[in-house]
Amino acid sequence: MFGFPGWIEITIILVIILLLFGKRLPGVMNSLGRSIVEFKKGSQEGADDEGDSSRIQSQDSKQDNPPN
């Protein structure tokens, strides 16, 4: 009785959402897509920065300790 809604209920809910937000939906989806791309780009840059800083630290430690 109170389980997961069936496909008819989901279809009705989607139609109602489409009627309410139909004109704004493409703009919202476009903004959502752009924000996801920017987030992925930012997280990739963050990972690259961490790798660069670890390489710099390892090079500094090699320079501080001359080979015997």
Protein backbone atom coordinates (compact mmCIF):
# COMPACT_ATOMS: atom_id res chain seq x y z
CA MET A 1 0.00 0.00 0.00
CA PHE A 2 2.73 2.50 0.95
CA GLY A 3 5.53 0.95 -1.09
CA PHE A 4 7.48 2.33 -4.01
CA PRO A 5 5.23 4.16 -6.49
CA GLY A 6 4.45 2.35 -9.72
CA TRP A 7 5.15 3.54 -13.23
CA ILE A 8 1.76 5.24 -13.52
CA GLU A 9 2.35 7.40 -10.45
CA ILE A 10 5.87 8.28 -11.59
CA THR A 11 4.54 9.25 -15.04
CA ILE A 12 1.86 11.49 -13.49
CA ILE A 13 4.44 13.18 -11.25
CA LEU A 14 6.78 13.77 -14.22
CA VAL A 15 3.94 15.27 -16.29
CA ILE A 16 3.03 17.63 -13.44
CA ILE A 17 6.67 18.70 -13.07
CA LEU A 18 6.91 19.26 -16.82
CA LEU A 19 3.77 21.42 -16.78
CA LEU A 20 4.99 23.48 -13.84
CA PHE A 21 8.60 23.98 -14.92
CA GLY A 22 8.36 23.37 -18.68
CA LYS A 23 9.59 26.75 -19.89
CA ARG A 24 12.38 27.01 -17.33
CA LEU A 25 13.52 23.39 -17.53
CA PRO A 26 15.98 23.76 -20.47
CA GLY A 27 17.70 26.70 -18.78
CA VAL A 28 17.94 24.84 -15.49
CA MET A 29 19.40 21.76 -17.19
CA ASN A 30 21.88 23.93 -19.10
CA SER A 31 23.03 25.59 -15.88
CA LEU A 32 23.27 22.23 -14.15
CA GLY A 33 25.42 20.83 -16.96
CA ARG A 34 27.76 23.82 -16.89
CA SER A 35 28.14 23.62 -13.12
CA ILE A 36 29.01 19.91 -13.32
CA VAL A 37 31.66 20.63 -15.98
CA GLU A 38 33.13 23.44 -13.86
CA PHE A 39 33.14 21.22 -10.77
CA LYS A 40 34.98 18.44 -12.60
CA LYS A 41 37.47 20.96 -14.01
CA GLY A 42 38.08 22.42 -10.55
CA SER A 43 38.51 19.03 -8.91
CA GLN A 44 40.95 18.01 -11.66
CA GLU A 45 42.98 21.19 -11.10
CA GLY A 46 43.00 20.51 -7.37
CA ALA A 47 44.35 17.02 -7.93
CA ASP A 48 47.03 18.40 -10.27
CA ASP A 49 48.04 21.03 -7.70
CA GLU A 50 48.46 18.37 -5.02
CA GLY A 51 50.67 16.32 -7.30
CA ASP A 52 52.79 19.36 -8.18
CA SER A 53 53.30 20.31 -4.54
CA SER A 54 54.40 16.78 -3.61
CA ARG A 55 56.92 16.79 -6.48
CA ILE A 56 58.25 20.18 -5.35
CA GLN A 57 58.63 18.93 -1.78
CA SER A 58 60.46 15.79 -2.90
CA GLN A 59 62.83 17.86 -5.06
CA ASP A 60 63.49 20.22 -2.14
CA SER A 61 64.30 17.31 0.16
CA LYS A 62 66.74 15.88 -2.43
CA GLN A 63 68.52 19.23 -2.62
CA ASP A 64 68.75 19.52 1.17
CA ASN A 65 70.33 16.09 1.53
CA PRO A 66 73.38 15.79 -0.72
CA PRO A 67 74.26 12.22 -1.76
CA ASN A 68 77.07 10.51 0.19
